Every structure is written in C-alpha cells, then in structure tokens.
Amino acid sequence: MSRRKDNYENSRWLKFKRWIDGEVDPLAAKGVEMVKPEPPVPMPGALTPLAGEEASGGEKELMAKRQREEKGIRIYRKVYQVMSVILCLGIIAVLLWTVAYLPIFGNAGNPDNNEVSARYIEQGLKETGAVNIVTGMILDYRAFDTFGESCVLFIASCCVLALLRVDKGSGPDDRIYEPKEDLILQWCAKILVPVILIFGIYIILNGHLSPGGGFSGGAVIGSGLILYLNAFGFRKTERFFNGKVYRRITVSALMFYCLAKSYSFFTGANHLESGIPLGNPGDIISSGLILPLNICVGMVVACTMYAFYTLFRKGGI
C-alpha cells in the first residue's frame, strides 16, 4: 500500500492536477510550493459567530449564500480550465485536418504551378502602375489582405493598452527613470532622429518604385520616435505625439485604407472605370492608390511600434 501511495504522489497526473489547481509553480525550483493567500480578516461588524455562540437565522443564510458563491466560483474555474483545453485541442484538430487536405508536393494544382504568379509578373506593371511587383501585389491585387494585417497591428496595440495601461497615481510609472540629463544621448538623438525620420519617409514614398514600403518605412519611423523618447523623455515627446494623436492617426489611416480599396474593388468587380490614374511608371506620383495606401500602412506601423514600447515601459501613450 505504501509503495502504491508513493507512486500516486509522484505520478504525472497528480503533478499536472496540482499545477492546474495553482499549488505548484512549474517554472520555480523543484518542489517549491506556491504561496497561498491568507484567509481574509473579518471586518468589524462582520457576520461571523464567536466561539461558543450560535449564528442567528439571517447570519446562517448569509453564510450559506457565501458558501454557494464560493462553490460556484470553484466550479466555474474548473469548467473554464476544461473548456480552455477543449478549445486548444479543437483548434489543433482543425489545423491538422486542413493540412491533411493540402495538395501533394509537385501537384499541378499547387499555387506555384497556377497562372496567378505569371499574371503578377507579366501584367503587374500595366495593371497597377507599380515598378515594384511585390508592392503592386500586396497593395493592389491583395490589398484587403494587407488591410487585415494592419488591423491586426492596431488590435494588438489595443490589447496591450488594455493589459498594461497604468493610470495616473494607480501604480509604478517608468517616467521617474527617464534620462532627462543624458547629454550624449540627447546630442546623438538630435543628429540621428531627423535622418531616421527622413529615411523612413523615403522608404514609404518609394515603396512602389524600389524595395521598401509601408511596413519597413513605418518600422524605421517608429525606431526614430523611440530614440527621441529615450533621449528626451515622455514630457517632451507628448508635446507632439500623445494618446489622442495616436488614435487619430491609426483610425484615420485604417478608415481611408478601407474606403479607398472598397471603392477600387467595387468598380473593378463591376467592370467600371475607377477614375484613378495610374500615372507614368517610375514617377513618385504614380501607381494609383498604392502610394497613399503605403503612407497609411507606414503610419499604422510607426504608431504601433511606438505604442508597444511606451506601454511596456509602463509610461502610457
């Protein structure tokens, strides 16, 4: 019996159950128990009977109600854990089922063997006006795919904002550690930040002519804003870039992107003239909507990078 008991106490199932119940931290040292919170101290006037006394009818009902609520919370946690595991297993099963239906390597029906890539290469310059075939593909043929990626960045920044936001006076603020008097960093920022921002704008504006575009140019601009923040702190940065500016830029860029491509796809699907000139291939002002869409993507990416950095520093936006 003792051997069976020892095997049960050392079984993987018991360890997994203790981890689920929050009794053991798997990332801590072996055998370290998690510290459980102390039971709450009854407040003055609380309905808790003293030793040797019997609770009245109202107190018994209140205590029974609290016990039912605690039991319901425990049941909810168990159901939540089970449903989480079921959801993960369901997603894994759906993905594996989808992979099982993918075409075999070398099949004639594979995307590499169809006419789409040939259409992009042969007719891309004529239909989009973009010298850079990749930009013409992601911002014209597959523009709504890129719009979805931009929305993912915006939603991710909103989630990080909801999880890491620190209200004023409600917790630690990283602003107290700002290097306000670091002269070397400030002089380097004064020289590098304008160059970084101009280079990022150049990458965005030339995305339809050469390698680059909104994603890479926005990342460069975001790094310039982060360098300026590290050199001069939140107080000076918020003079021109704060939470209101961030929200207005991202929402305006995404709205313009959605409306512009909705109009373009509506006219194209109904064989109507869009009235948007493609211009001369090779010019800055060319390729129809690709240039303004690149600008929108660049603004969203730059704002998202800056927002992530400021939120992880717990300084807010």
C-alpha atoms as a PDB file:
ATOM      1  CA  MET A   1       0.000   0.000   0.000  1.00  0.00           C
ATOM      2  CA  SER A   2       2.789   2.421   0.883  1.00  0.00           C
ATOM      3  CA  ARG A   3       4.506   1.766  -2.472  1.00  0.00           C
ATOM      4  CA  ARG A   4       1.237   2.368  -4.332  1.00  0.00           C
ATOM      5  CA  LYS A   5       0.703   5.589  -2.373  1.00  0.00           C
ATOM      6  CA  ASP A   6       4.227   6.778  -3.207  1.00  0.00           C
ATOM      7  CA  ASN A   7       3.680   6.030  -6.886  1.00  0.00           C
ATOM      8  CA  TYR A   8       0.432   8.008  -6.839  1.00  0.00           C
ATOM      9  CA  GLU A   9       2.069  11.000  -5.132  1.00  0.00           C
ATOM     10  CA  ASN A  10       4.875  11.017  -7.732  1.00  0.00           C
ATOM     11  CA  SER A  11       2.577  10.406 -10.714  1.00  0.00           C
ATOM     12  CA  ARG A  12       2.451  12.875 -13.579  1.00  0.00           C
ATOM     13  CA  TRP A  13      -1.318  13.155 -13.281  1.00  0.00           C
ATOM     14  CA  LEU A  14      -1.072  14.367  -9.677  1.00  0.00           C
ATOM     15  CA  LYS A  15       1.652  16.869 -10.627  1.00  0.00           C
ATOM     16  CA  PHE A  16      -0.464  18.148 -13.506  1.00  0.00           C
ATOM     17  CA  LYS A  17      -3.513  18.436 -11.241  1.00  0.00           C
ATOM     18  CA  ARG A  18      -1.544  20.354  -8.614  1.00  0.00           C
ATOM     19  CA  TRP A  19      -0.270  22.690 -11.313  1.00  0.00           C
ATOM     20  CA  ILE A  20      -3.811  23.294 -12.608  1.00  0.00           C
ATOM     21  CA  ASP A  21      -5.033  23.962  -9.060  1.00  0.00           C
ATOM     22  CA  GLY A  22      -2.244  26.517  -8.561  1.00  0.00           C
ATOM     23  CA  GLU A  23      -0.420  24.577  -5.850  1.00  0.00           C
ATOM     24  CA  VAL A  24       2.926  24.192  -7.669  1.00  0.00           C
ATOM     25  CA  ASP A  25       4.791  26.598  -9.945  1.00  0.00           C
ATOM     26  CA  PRO A  26       6.377  24.587 -12.815  1.00  0.00           C
ATOM     27  CA  LEU A  27       8.888  27.385 -13.519  1.00  0.00           C
ATOM     28  CA  ALA A  28      10.151  27.537  -9.934  1.00  0.00           C
ATOM     29  CA  ALA A  29      12.684  25.240  -8.342  1.00  0.00           C
ATOM     30  CA  LYS A  30      11.691  21.613  -7.911  1.00  0.00           C
ATOM     31  CA  GLY A  31       9.378  21.024  -5.004  1.00  0.00           C
ATOM     32  CA  VAL A  32       8.741  24.713  -4.296  1.00  0.00           C
ATOM     33  CA  GLU A  33       5.162  25.251  -3.196  1.00  0.00           C
ATOM     34  CA  MET A  34       3.230  28.307  -4.310  1.00  0.00           C
ATOM     35  CA  VAL A  35       2.336  30.770  -1.574  1.00  0.00           C
ATOM     36  CA  LYS A  36      -1.392  30.675  -0.987  1.00  0.00           C
ATOM     37  CA  PRO A  37      -3.147  33.869   0.068  1.00  0.00           C
ATOM     38  CA  GLU A  38      -4.063  34.183   3.691  1.00  0.00           C
ATOM     39  CA  PRO A  39      -7.774  33.977   4.533  1.00  0.00           C
ATOM     40  CA  PRO A  40      -9.367  37.423   4.731  1.00  0.00           C
ATOM     41  CA  VAL A  41      -9.512  39.018   8.154  1.00  0.00           C
ATOM     42  CA  PRO A  42     -13.135  39.640   9.148  1.00  0.00           C
ATOM     43  CA  MET A  43     -14.023  43.309   9.155  1.00  0.00           C
ATOM     44  CA  PRO A  44     -15.596  44.907  12.223  1.00  0.00           C
ATOM     45  CA  GLY A  45     -19.274  44.100  12.297  1.00  0.00           C
ATOM     46  CA  ALA A  46     -18.892  41.086  10.010  1.00  0.00           C
ATOM     47  CA  LEU A  47     -21.405  38.290  10.392  1.00  0.00           C
ATOM     48  CA  THR A  48     -19.073  35.676  11.905  1.00  0.00           C
ATOM     49  CA  PRO A  49     -20.224  33.942  15.098  1.00  0.00           C
ATOM     50  CA  LEU A  50     -17.849  33.890  18.046  1.00  0.00           C
ATOM     51  CA  ALA A  51     -16.684  30.707  19.725  1.00  0.00           C
ATOM     52  CA  GLY A  52     -19.442  29.122  21.756  1.00  0.00           C
ATOM     53  CA  GLU A  53     -22.137  31.219  20.112  1.00  0.00           C
ATOM     54  CA  GLU A  54     -24.668  30.114  17.560  1.00  0.00           C
ATOM     55  CA  ALA A  55     -25.378  32.166  14.461  1.00  0.00           C
ATOM     56  CA  SER A  56     -28.816  33.617  14.010  1.00  0.00           C
ATOM     57  CA  GLY A  57     -31.097  32.687  11.137  1.00  0.00           C
ATOM     58  CA  GLY A  58     -30.079  35.677   8.979  1.00  0.00           C
ATOM     59  CA  GLU A  59     -26.394  35.036   9.602  1.00  0.00           C
ATOM     60  CA  LYS A  60     -26.791  31.377   8.675  1.00  0.00           C
ATOM     61  CA  GLU A  61     -28.490  32.329   5.413  1.00  0.00           C
ATOM     62  CA  LEU A  62     -25.744  34.812   4.592  1.00  0.00           C
ATOM     63  CA  MET A  63     -23.016  32.275   5.365  1.00  0.00           C
ATOM     64  CA  ALA A  64     -24.786  29.652   3.258  1.00  0.00           C
ATOM     65  CA  LYS A  65     -25.066  32.151   0.401  1.00  0.00           C
ATOM     66  CA  ARG A  66     -21.352  32.898   0.598  1.00  0.00           C
ATOM     67  CA  GLN A  67     -20.543  29.194   0.586  1.00  0.00           C
ATOM     68  CA  ARG A  68     -22.706  28.706  -2.505  1.00  0.00           C
ATOM     69  CA  GLU A  69     -20.950  31.603  -4.229  1.00  0.00           C
ATOM     70  CA  GLU A  70     -17.517  30.177  -3.396  1.00  0.00           C
ATOM     71  CA  LYS A  71     -18.597  26.768  -4.660  1.00  0.00           C
ATOM     72  CA  GLY A  72     -19.886  28.338  -7.864  1.00  0.00           C
ATOM     73  CA  ILE A  73     -16.565  30.132  -8.371  1.00  0.00           C
ATOM     74  CA  ARG A  74     -14.650  26.869  -7.906  1.00  0.00           C
ATOM     75  CA  ILE A  75     -16.931  25.109 -10.397  1.00  0.00           C
ATOM     76  CA  TYR A  76     -16.521  27.973 -12.865  1.00  0.00           C
ATOM     77  CA  ARG A  77     -12.740  27.761 -12.638  1.00  0.00           C
ATOM     78  CA  LYS A  78     -12.817  24.025 -13.281  1.00  0.00           C
ATOM     79  CA  VAL A  79     -15.169  24.443 -16.248  1.00  0.00           C
ATOM     80  CA  TYR A  80     -13.019  27.299 -17.581  1.00  0.00           C
ATOM     81  CA  GLN A  81      -9.895  25.158 -17.428  1.00  0.00           C
ATOM     82  CA  VAL A  82     -11.602  22.212 -19.121  1.00  0.00           C
ATOM     83  CA  MET A  83     -13.097  24.410 -21.851  1.00  0.00           C
ATOM     84  CA  SER A  84      -9.701  26.015 -22.480  1.00  0.00           C
ATOM     85  CA  VAL A  85      -8.129  22.610 -23.036  1.00  0.00           C
ATOM     86  CA  ILE A  86     -11.016  21.550 -25.301  1.00  0.00           C
ATOM     87  CA  LEU A  87     -10.705  24.759 -27.329  1.00  0.00           C
ATOM     88  CA  CYS A  88      -6.964  24.268 -27.835  1.00  0.00           C
ATOM     89  CA  LEU A  89      -7.451  20.653 -28.858  1.00  0.00           C
ATOM     90  CA  GLY A  90     -10.223  21.705 -31.256  1.00  0.00           C
ATOM     91  CA  ILE A  91      -8.010  24.305 -32.926  1.00  0.00           C
ATOM     92  CA  ILE A  92      -5.196  21.763 -33.260  1.00  0.00           C
ATOM     93  CA  ALA A  93      -7.595  19.222 -34.780  1.00  0.00           C
ATOM     94  CA  VAL A  94      -8.943  21.751 -37.310  1.00  0.00           C
ATOM     95  CA  LEU A  95      -5.420  22.771 -38.342  1.00  0.00           C
ATOM     96  CA  LEU A  96      -4.305  19.166 -38.762  1.00  0.00           C
ATOM     97  CA  TRP A  97      -7.461  18.385 -40.722  1.00  0.00           C
ATOM     98  CA  THR A  98      -6.759  21.353 -43.020  1.00  0.00           C
ATOM     99  CA  VAL A  99      -3.149  20.305 -43.529  1.00  0.00           C
ATOM    100  CA  ALA A 100      -4.303  16.811 -44.498  1.00  0.00           C
ATOM    101  CA  TYR A 101      -6.202  18.296 -47.467  1.00  0.00           C
ATOM    102  CA  LEU A 102      -3.274  20.303 -48.831  1.00  0.00           C
ATOM    103  CA  PRO A 103      -2.111  19.225 -52.296  1.00  0.00           C
ATOM    104  CA  ILE A 104       0.886  16.943 -52.552  1.00  0.00           C
ATOM    105  CA  PHE A 105       4.254  18.493 -53.383  1.00  0.00           C
ATOM    106  CA  GLY A 106       4.625  18.730 -57.147  1.00  0.00           C
ATOM    107  CA  ASN A 107       0.892  18.534 -57.812  1.00  0.00           C
ATOM    108  CA  ALA A 108      -0.316  20.522 -60.803  1.00  0.00           C
ATOM    109  CA  GLY A 109      -2.922  22.197 -58.608  1.00  0.00           C
ATOM    110  CA  ASN A 110      -0.354  23.771 -56.284  1.00  0.00           C
ATOM    111  CA  PRO A 111      -0.313  27.568 -56.134  1.00  0.00           C
ATOM    112  CA  ASP A 112       3.240  27.564 -57.529  1.00  0.00           C
ATOM    113  CA  ASN A 113       2.004  25.942 -60.709  1.00  0.00           C
ATOM    114  CA  ASN A 114      -1.036  28.100 -61.486  1.00  0.00           C
ATOM    115  CA  GLU A 115      -1.360  31.251 -63.571  1.00  0.00           C
ATOM    116  CA  VAL A 116      -1.595  33.768 -60.712  1.00  0.00           C
ATOM    117  CA  SER A 117       2.139  34.331 -60.300  1.00  0.00           C
ATOM    118  CA  ALA A 118       2.554  34.632 -64.064  1.00  0.00           C
ATOM    119  CA  ARG A 119      -0.223  37.250 -64.120  1.00  0.00           C
ATOM    120  CA  TYR A 120       1.507  39.270 -61.402  1.00  0.00           C
ATOM    121  CA  ILE A 121       4.810  39.259 -63.285  1.00  0.00           C
ATOM    122  CA  GLU A 122       3.521  39.799 -66.828  1.00  0.00           C
ATOM    123  CA  GLN A 123       0.624  42.203 -66.239  1.00  0.00           C
ATOM    124  CA  GLY A 124       1.556  43.765 -62.882  1.00  0.00           C
ATOM    125  CA  LEU A 125       3.192  46.916 -64.251  1.00  0.00           C
ATOM    126  CA  LYS A 126       0.370  47.541 -66.717  1.00  0.00           C
ATOM    127  CA  GLU A 127      -2.496  46.958 -64.284  1.00  0.00           C
ATOM    128  CA  THR A 128      -1.061  48.522 -61.111  1.00  0.00           C
ATOM    129  CA  GLY A 129       1.486  51.042 -62.418  1.00  0.00           C
ATOM    130  CA  ALA A 130       3.979  49.945 -59.744  1.00  0.00           C
ATOM    131  CA  VAL A 131       7.546  49.186 -60.784  1.00  0.00           C
ATOM    132  CA  ASN A 132       7.991  47.092 -57.631  1.00  0.00           C
ATOM    133  CA  ILE A 133       5.979  43.943 -58.359  1.00  0.00           C
ATOM    134  CA  VAL A 134       5.790  42.952 -54.677  1.00  0.00           C
ATOM    135  CA  THR A 135       4.236  46.277 -53.685  1.00  0.00           C
ATOM    136  CA  GLY A 136       1.798  46.075 -56.584  1.00  0.00           C
ATOM    137  CA  MET A 137       0.747  42.627 -55.414  1.00  0.00           C
ATOM    138  CA  ILE A 138       0.252  43.361 -51.707  1.00  0.00           C
ATOM    139  CA  LEU A 139      -1.339  46.805 -52.143  1.00  0.00           C
ATOM    140  CA  ASP A 140      -3.415  46.218 -55.263  1.00  0.00           C
ATOM    141  CA  TYR A 141      -4.185  42.582 -56.035  1.00  0.00           C
ATOM    142  CA  ARG A 142      -4.181  41.557 -52.363  1.00  0.00           C
ATOM    143  CA  ALA A 143      -4.845  44.926 -50.752  1.00  0.00           C
ATOM    144  CA  PHE A 144      -7.504  43.669 -48.347  1.00  0.00           C
ATOM    145  CA  ASP A 145      -5.042  41.073 -47.058  1.00  0.00           C
ATOM    146  CA  THR A 146      -2.649  43.887 -46.193  1.00  0.00           C
ATOM    147  CA  PHE A 147      -5.550  45.799 -44.636  1.00  0.00           C
ATOM    148  CA  GLY A 148      -6.194  42.805 -42.387  1.00  0.00           C
ATOM    149  CA  GLU A 149      -2.552  42.794 -41.319  1.00  0.00           C
ATOM    150  CA  SER A 150      -2.746  46.497 -40.453  1.00  0.00           C
ATOM    151  CA  CYS A 151      -5.912  45.857 -38.437  1.00  0.00           C
ATOM    152  CA  VAL A 152      -4.104  43.046 -36.594  1.00  0.00           C
ATOM    153  CA  LEU A 153      -1.382  45.514 -35.568  1.00  0.00           C
ATOM    154  CA  PHE A 154      -3.982  48.019 -34.382  1.00  0.00           C
ATOM    155  CA  ILE A 155      -5.924  45.377 -32.423  1.00  0.00           C
ATOM    156  CA  ALA A 156      -2.692  44.072 -30.898  1.00  0.00           C
ATOM    157  CA  SER A 157      -1.785  47.563 -29.684  1.00  0.00           C
ATOM    158  CA  CYS A 158      -5.297  47.976 -28.230  1.00  0.00           C
ATOM    159  CA  CYS A 159      -4.919  44.657 -26.367  1.00  0.00           C
ATOM    160  CA  VAL A 160      -1.534  45.660 -24.985  1.00  0.00           C
ATOM    161  CA  LEU A 161      -3.037  49.007 -23.964  1.00  0.00           C
ATOM    162  CA  ALA A 162      -5.845  47.258 -22.103  1.00  0.00           C
ATOM    163  CA  LEU A 163      -3.443  44.873 -20.339  1.00  0.00           C
ATOM    164  CA  LEU A 164      -0.524  47.164 -19.485  1.00  0.00           C
ATOM    165  CA  ARG A 165      -2.070  50.588 -19.134  1.00  0.00           C
ATOM    166  CA  VAL A 166      -1.163  52.345 -15.894  1.00  0.00           C
ATOM    167  CA  ASP A 167      -3.499  55.131 -14.802  1.00  0.00           C
ATOM    168  CA  LYS A 168      -2.071  58.162 -13.116  1.00  0.00           C
ATOM    169  CA  GLY A 169      -1.469  57.558  -9.440  1.00  0.00           C
ATOM    170  CA  SER A 170      -2.539  53.908  -9.570  1.00  0.00           C
ATOM    171  CA  GLY A 171       0.816  52.180  -9.858  1.00  0.00           C
ATOM    172  CA  PRO A 172       4.517  52.437 -10.714  1.00  0.00           C
ATOM    173  CA  ASP A 173       5.410  54.782 -13.531  1.00  0.00           C
ATOM    174  CA  ASP A 174       8.606  54.384 -15.516  1.00  0.00           C
ATOM    175  CA  ARG A 175       8.837  58.149 -16.096  1.00  0.00           C
ATOM    176  CA  ILE A 176      10.892  58.563 -12.927  1.00  0.00           C
ATOM    177  CA  TYR A 177      13.751  56.723 -14.644  1.00  0.00           C
ATOM    178  CA  GLU A 178      13.853  58.960 -17.714  1.00  0.00           C
ATOM    179  CA  PRO A 179      17.384  60.036 -18.738  1.00  0.00           C
ATOM    180  CA  LYS A 180      16.442  63.720 -18.786  1.00  0.00           C
ATOM    181  CA  GLU A 181      20.024  64.963 -18.499  1.00  0.00           C
ATOM    182  CA  ASP A 182      21.933  62.473 -20.657  1.00  0.00           C
ATOM    183  CA  LEU A 183      23.710  64.994 -22.907  1.00  0.00           C
ATOM    184  CA  ILE A 184      25.471  62.369 -25.047  1.00  0.00           C
ATOM    185  CA  LEU A 185      22.224  60.567 -25.860  1.00  0.00           C
ATOM    186  CA  GLN A 186      20.396  63.839 -26.486  1.00  0.00           C
ATOM    187  CA  TRP A 187      23.017  65.162 -28.902  1.00  0.00           C
ATOM    188  CA  CYS A 188      23.086  61.830 -30.747  1.00  0.00           C
ATOM    189  CA  ALA A 189      19.287  61.918 -30.961  1.00  0.00           C
ATOM    190  CA  LYS A 190      19.326  65.486 -32.303  1.00  0.00           C
ATOM    191  CA  ILE A 191      21.578  64.315 -35.137  1.00  0.00           C
ATOM    192  CA  LEU A 192      20.114  60.870 -35.831  1.00  0.00           C
ATOM    193  CA  VAL A 193      16.362  61.300 -35.314  1.00  0.00           C
ATOM    194  CA  PRO A 194      15.829  63.702 -38.267  1.00  0.00           C
ATOM    195  CA  VAL A 195      17.901  61.433 -40.510  1.00  0.00           C
ATOM    196  CA  ILE A 196      15.969  58.349 -39.373  1.00  0.00           C
ATOM    197  CA  LEU A 197      12.585  60.001 -39.932  1.00  0.00           C
ATOM    198  CA  ILE A 198      13.548  61.292 -43.386  1.00  0.00           C
ATOM    199  CA  PHE A 199      14.901  57.878 -44.359  1.00  0.00           C
ATOM    200  CA  GLY A 200      11.695  56.210 -43.194  1.00  0.00           C
ATOM    201  CA  ILE A 201       9.601  58.666 -45.231  1.00  0.00           C
ATOM    202  CA  TYR A 202      11.833  57.974 -48.246  1.00  0.00           C
ATOM    203  CA  ILE A 203      11.276  54.220 -47.906  1.00  0.00           C
ATOM    204  CA  ILE A 204       7.499  54.703 -47.723  1.00  0.00           C
ATOM    205  CA  LEU A 205       7.296  57.090 -50.695  1.00  0.00           C
ATOM    206  CA  ASN A 206       9.486  54.858 -52.871  1.00  0.00           C
ATOM    207  CA  GLY A 207       7.823  51.585 -51.927  1.00  0.00           C
ATOM    208  CA  HIS A 208       6.139  51.284 -55.353  1.00  0.00           C
ATOM    209  CA  LEU A 209       9.419  52.023 -57.153  1.00  0.00           C
ATOM    210  CA  SER A 210      12.023  50.078 -55.186  1.00  0.00           C
ATOM    211  CA  PRO A 211      12.246  47.614 -52.292  1.00  0.00           C
ATOM    212  CA  GLY A 212      10.529  49.094 -49.265  1.00  0.00           C
ATOM    213  CA  GLY A 213       7.042  50.278 -48.491  1.00  0.00           C
ATOM    214  CA  GLY A 214       4.798  50.994 -45.554  1.00  0.00           C
ATOM    215  CA  PHE A 215       5.852  48.162 -43.259  1.00  0.00           C
ATOM    216  CA  SER A 216       9.606  48.729 -43.469  1.00  0.00           C
ATOM    217  CA  GLY A 217       9.353  52.527 -43.603  1.00  0.00           C
ATOM    218  CA  GLY A 218       6.942  52.586 -40.665  1.00  0.00           C
ATOM    219  CA  ALA A 219       9.337  50.446 -38.640  1.00  0.00           C
ATOM    220  CA  VAL A 220      12.145  52.945 -39.321  1.00  0.00           C
ATOM    221  CA  ILE A 221       9.980  55.905 -38.294  1.00  0.00           C
ATOM    222  CA  GLY A 222       8.882  54.048 -35.158  1.00  0.00           C
ATOM    223  CA  SER A 223      12.509  53.457 -34.180  1.00  0.00           C
ATOM    224  CA  GLY A 224      13.202  57.176 -34.610  1.00  0.00           C
ATOM    225  CA  LEU A 225      10.331  58.049 -32.262  1.00  0.00           C
ATOM    226  CA  ILE A 226      11.598  55.524 -29.709  1.00  0.00           C
ATOM    227  CA  LEU A 227      15.101  57.032 -29.840  1.00  0.00           C
ATOM    228  CA  TYR A 228      13.668  60.514 -29.291  1.00  0.00           C
ATOM    229  CA  LEU A 229      11.648  59.230 -26.337  1.00  0.00           C
ATOM    230  CA  ASN A 230      14.691  57.641 -24.707  1.00  0.00           C
ATOM    231  CA  ALA A 231      16.705  60.835 -25.138  1.00  0.00           C
ATOM    232  CA  PHE A 232      14.184  63.484 -24.078  1.00  0.00           C
ATOM    233  CA  GLY A 233      11.535  61.601 -22.090  1.00  0.00           C
ATOM    234  CA  PHE A 234       7.766  61.423 -22.158  1.00  0.00           C
ATOM    235  CA  ARG A 235       7.117  65.057 -21.303  1.00  0.00           C
ATOM    236  CA  LYS A 236       8.779  66.462 -24.416  1.00  0.00           C
ATOM    237  CA  THR A 237       7.604  63.650 -26.686  1.00  0.00           C
ATOM    238  CA  GLU A 238       3.987  64.113 -25.666  1.00  0.00           C
ATOM    239  CA  ARG A 239       4.078  67.689 -26.938  1.00  0.00           C
ATOM    240  CA  PHE A 240       3.641  66.339 -30.474  1.00  0.00           C
ATOM    241  CA  PHE A 241       2.747  62.641 -30.004  1.00  0.00           C
ATOM    242  CA  ASN A 242       0.330  61.505 -27.313  1.00  0.00           C
ATOM    243  CA  GLY A 243      -2.625  59.170 -26.982  1.00  0.00           C
ATOM    244  CA  LYS A 244      -5.023  61.397 -28.920  1.00  0.00           C
ATOM    245  CA  VAL A 245      -2.607  61.777 -31.829  1.00  0.00           C
ATOM    246  CA  TYR A 246      -2.020  58.025 -31.865  1.00  0.00           C
ATOM    247  CA  ARG A 247      -5.729  57.208 -32.012  1.00  0.00           C
ATOM    248  CA  ARG A 248      -6.481  59.825 -34.663  1.00  0.00           C
ATOM    249  CA  ILE A 249      -3.634  58.715 -36.929  1.00  0.00           C
ATOM    250  CA  THR A 250      -4.358  54.998 -36.747  1.00  0.00           C
ATOM    251  CA  VAL A 251      -8.134  55.269 -37.079  1.00  0.00           C
ATOM    252  CA  SER A 252      -7.882  57.785 -39.947  1.00  0.00           C
ATOM    253  CA  ALA A 253      -5.314  55.672 -41.799  1.00  0.00           C
ATOM    254  CA  LEU A 254      -7.326  52.467 -41.462  1.00  0.00           C
ATOM    255  CA  MET A 255     -10.584  54.167 -42.454  1.00  0.00           C
ATOM    256  CA  PHE A 256      -9.041  55.732 -45.552  1.00  0.00           C
ATOM    257  CA  TYR A 257      -7.438  52.417 -46.499  1.00  0.00           C
ATOM    258  CA  CYS A 258     -10.738  50.543 -46.154  1.00  0.00           C
ATOM    259  CA  LEU A 259     -12.826  53.106 -48.045  1.00  0.00           C
ATOM    260  CA  ALA A 260     -10.283  53.579 -50.839  1.00  0.00           C
ATOM    261  CA  LYS A 261      -9.893  49.883 -51.586  1.00  0.00           C
ATOM    262  CA  SER A 262     -13.613  49.243 -51.189  1.00  0.00           C
ATOM    263  CA  TYR A 263     -14.241  51.776 -53.937  1.00  0.00           C
ATOM    264  CA  SER A 264     -11.469  50.320 -56.097  1.00  0.00           C
ATOM    265  CA  PHE A 265     -12.680  46.743 -55.715  1.00  0.00           C
ATOM    266  CA  PHE A 266     -16.312  47.710 -56.271  1.00  0.00           C
ATOM    267  CA  THR A 267     -15.524  49.378 -59.578  1.00  0.00           C
ATOM    268  CA  GLY A 268     -13.204  46.574 -60.657  1.00  0.00           C
ATOM    269  CA  ALA A 269     -15.684  43.822 -59.785  1.00  0.00           C
ATOM    270  CA  ASN A 270     -18.400  45.572 -61.824  1.00  0.00           C
ATOM    271  CA  HIS A 271     -16.106  46.390 -64.781  1.00  0.00           C
ATOM    272  CA  LEU A 272     -16.380  50.132 -64.147  1.00  0.00           C
ATOM    273  CA  GLU A 273     -13.762  52.811 -64.608  1.00  0.00           C
ATOM    274  CA  SER A 274     -12.397  53.830 -61.232  1.00  0.00           C
ATOM    275  CA  GLY A 275     -11.183  57.211 -62.462  1.00  0.00           C
ATOM    276  CA  ILE A 276      -7.923  56.825 -60.511  1.00  0.00           C
ATOM    277  CA  PRO A 277      -4.995  57.459 -62.899  1.00  0.00           C
ATOM    278  CA  LEU A 278      -2.004  55.136 -62.678  1.00  0.00           C
ATOM    279  CA  GLY A 279       0.430  57.823 -63.875  1.00  0.00           C
ATOM    280  CA  ASN A 280       3.756  57.151 -65.510  1.00  0.00           C
ATOM    281  CA  PRO A 281       5.554  54.086 -64.110  1.00  0.00           C
ATOM    282  CA  GLY A 282       8.727  55.207 -62.367  1.00  0.00           C
ATOM    283  CA  ASP A 283       7.378  58.558 -61.117  1.00  0.00           C
ATOM    284  CA  ILE A 284       6.794  59.259 -57.427  1.00  0.00           C
ATOM    285  CA  ILE A 285       3.181  60.272 -58.113  1.00  0.00           C
ATOM    286  CA  SER A 286       2.086  57.118 -59.887  1.00  0.00           C
ATOM    287  CA  SER A 287       0.586  53.648 -59.356  1.00  0.00           C
ATOM    288  CA  GLY A 288      -2.882  54.923 -58.417  1.00  0.00           C
ATOM    289  CA  LEU A 289      -3.825  54.229 -54.810  1.00  0.00           C
ATOM    290  CA  ILE A 290      -0.651  52.345 -53.934  1.00  0.00           C
ATOM    291  CA  LEU A 291       1.238  55.449 -52.786  1.00  0.00           C
ATOM    292  CA  PRO A 292      -1.441  56.740 -50.342  1.00  0.00           C
ATOM    293  CA  LEU A 293      -2.050  53.179 -49.098  1.00  0.00           C
ATOM    294  CA  ASN A 294       1.655  52.801 -48.430  1.00  0.00           C
ATOM    295  CA  ILE A 295       1.530  56.013 -46.403  1.00  0.00           C
ATOM    296  CA  CYS A 296      -1.418  54.681 -44.384  1.00  0.00           C
ATOM    297  CA  VAL A 297       0.348  51.395 -43.644  1.00  0.00           C
ATOM    298  CA  GLY A 298       3.515  53.248 -42.658  1.00  0.00           C
ATOM    299  CA  MET A 299       1.648  55.461 -40.194  1.00  0.00           C
ATOM    300  CA  VAL A 300      -0.087  52.477 -38.582  1.00  0.00           C
ATOM    301  CA  VAL A 301       3.162  50.521 -38.229  1.00  0.00           C
ATOM    302  CA  ALA A 302       5.076  53.500 -36.803  1.00  0.00           C
ATOM    303  CA  CYS A 303       2.357  54.265 -34.260  1.00  0.00           C
ATOM    304  CA  THR A 304       2.073  50.605 -33.242  1.00  0.00           C
ATOM    305  CA  MET A 305       5.810  50.228 -32.651  1.00  0.00           C
ATOM    306  CA  TYR A 306       5.922  53.374 -30.560  1.00  0.00           C
ATOM    307  CA  ALA A 307       2.806  52.333 -28.626  1.00  0.00           C
ATOM    308  CA  PHE A 308       4.240  48.908 -27.819  1.00  0.00           C
ATOM    309  CA  TYR A 309       7.445  50.419 -26.498  1.00  0.00           C
ATOM    310  CA  THR A 310       5.761  53.031 -24.331  1.00  0.00           C
ATOM    311  CA  LEU A 311       3.266  50.568 -22.884  1.00  0.00           C
ATOM    312  CA  PHE A 312       5.925  48.006 -21.982  1.00  0.00           C
ATOM    313  CA  ARG A 313       7.774  50.825 -20.223  1.00  0.00           C
ATOM    314  CA  LYS A 314       4.550  51.430 -18.282  1.00  0.00           C
ATOM    315  CA  GLY A 315       4.557  55.066 -19.218  1.00  0.00           C
ATOM    316  CA  GLY A 316       1.334  55.120 -21.184  1.00  0.00           C
ATOM    317  CA  ILE A 317       0.824  56.673 -24.595  1.00  0.00           C
END
